[in-house]
Amino acid sequence: MFVKDVMVQNQVGLHARPATFFIQKANEFKSSIWIEKEERRVNAKSLLGILSLGIVGGTQIRIIADGADEEAAVAGLIELVESGFAEETR
């Protein structure tokens, strides 16, 4: 199991569009992946799960992966979150 915390950078947080990008990235990995916010943990490959957390900009989240490619999964997702989902360029 590999765990790392990250701050959500984009202002609107993980609403539908960035959550979709997050899920697409998570689905590139074989590992089981979860997002945790304030003791609530959801499947990172579930749109409803992610949206149910109500993650807004400036929120600290924890990304947890367990499986063969767990470190690569967490690193890839952290990179995506830290990029702000490329929303500032639009």
Protein backbone atom coordinates (compact mmCIF):
# COMPACT_ATOMS: atom_id res chain seq x y z
CA MET A 1 0.00 0.00 0.00
CA PHE A 2 1.27 3.46 -0.96
CA VAL A 3 -0.21 6.65 0.48
CA LYS A 4 0.43 10.33 -0.22
CA ASP A 5 -1.33 13.59 0.62
CA VAL A 6 -1.87 16.39 -1.88
CA MET A 7 -3.54 19.80 -1.89
CA VAL A 8 -6.18 20.33 -4.59
CA GLN A 9 -4.86 23.33 -6.56
CA ASN A 10 -7.67 24.36 -8.91
CA GLN A 11 -10.25 26.78 -7.53
CA VAL A 12 -13.38 24.70 -8.14
CA GLY A 13 -11.88 21.45 -6.87
CA LEU A 14 -12.98 18.04 -8.10
CA HIS A 15 -16.25 18.88 -9.80
CA ALA A 16 -17.54 16.78 -12.72
CA ARG A 17 -14.93 17.60 -15.38
CA PRO A 18 -11.75 17.32 -13.28
CA ALA A 19 -13.21 14.28 -11.51
CA THR A 20 -13.66 12.65 -14.91
CA PHE A 21 -10.01 13.34 -15.77
CA PHE A 22 -9.01 11.92 -12.38
CA ILE A 23 -11.01 8.73 -12.97
CA GLN A 24 -9.62 8.29 -16.47
CA LYS A 25 -6.09 8.55 -15.05
CA ALA A 26 -6.92 6.17 -12.17
CA ASN A 27 -8.25 3.61 -14.66
CA GLU A 28 -4.85 3.49 -16.37
CA PHE A 29 -3.58 1.54 -13.35
CA LYS A 30 -4.31 -1.97 -12.15
CA SER A 31 -4.07 -1.07 -8.45
CA SER A 32 -7.07 -0.41 -6.26
CA ILE A 33 -7.11 3.35 -5.64
CA TRP A 34 -8.99 5.43 -3.09
CA ILE A 35 -9.34 9.11 -2.24
CA GLU A 36 -9.69 10.06 1.40
CA LYS A 37 -10.94 13.38 2.75
CA GLU A 38 -11.51 13.87 6.48
CA GLU A 39 -11.91 10.18 7.36
CA ARG A 40 -14.19 9.45 4.36
CA ARG A 41 -12.72 7.10 1.78
CA VAL A 42 -14.13 6.45 -1.69
CA ASN A 43 -13.09 4.49 -4.75
CA ALA A 44 -11.01 6.80 -6.98
CA LYS A 45 -12.49 5.09 -10.04
CA SER A 46 -16.07 6.07 -9.09
CA LEU A 47 -17.48 9.41 -10.28
CA LEU A 48 -20.30 9.42 -7.73
CA GLY A 49 -17.86 8.51 -4.97
CA ILE A 50 -15.51 11.36 -5.81
CA LEU A 51 -18.31 13.91 -6.23
CA SER A 52 -19.82 12.82 -2.89
CA LEU A 53 -16.69 14.03 -1.09
CA GLY A 54 -17.37 17.63 -2.15
CA ILE A 55 -13.70 18.42 -2.72
CA VAL A 56 -13.11 22.14 -3.32
CA GLY A 57 -9.95 24.08 -4.12
CA GLY A 58 -7.52 24.24 -1.22
CA THR A 59 -8.69 20.91 0.23
CA GLN A 60 -6.09 18.40 1.41
CA ILE A 61 -6.83 14.88 0.14
CA ARG A 62 -5.05 11.57 0.55
CA ILE A 63 -4.51 9.25 -2.40
CA ILE A 64 -4.12 5.59 -1.49
CA ALA A 65 -3.20 2.79 -3.88
CA ASP A 66 -2.72 -0.91 -3.32
CA GLY A 67 -1.44 -3.22 -6.03
CA ALA A 68 1.34 -3.96 -8.48
CA ASP A 69 1.64 -0.39 -9.78
CA GLU A 70 0.64 1.46 -6.60
CA GLU A 71 3.56 3.91 -6.53
CA ALA A 72 3.15 4.84 -10.20
CA ALA A 73 -0.61 5.25 -9.67
CA VAL A 74 -0.21 7.63 -6.75
CA ALA A 75 2.56 9.58 -8.52
CA GLY A 76 0.47 9.96 -11.69
CA LEU A 77 -2.61 11.13 -9.81
CA ILE A 78 -0.63 13.55 -7.63
CA GLU A 79 0.89 15.05 -10.77
CA LEU A 80 -2.59 15.49 -12.27
CA VAL A 81 -3.96 17.16 -9.12
CA GLU A 82 -0.92 19.44 -8.79
CA SER A 83 -1.32 20.53 -12.42
CA GLY A 84 -4.72 21.98 -11.50
CA PHE A 85 -6.22 19.72 -14.18
CA ALA A 86 -4.88 22.28 -16.70
CA GLU A 87 -7.91 24.49 -15.99
CA GLU A 88 -5.97 27.71 -15.50
CA THR A 89 -4.97 27.70 -19.18
CA ARG A 90 -8.56 27.77 -20.41
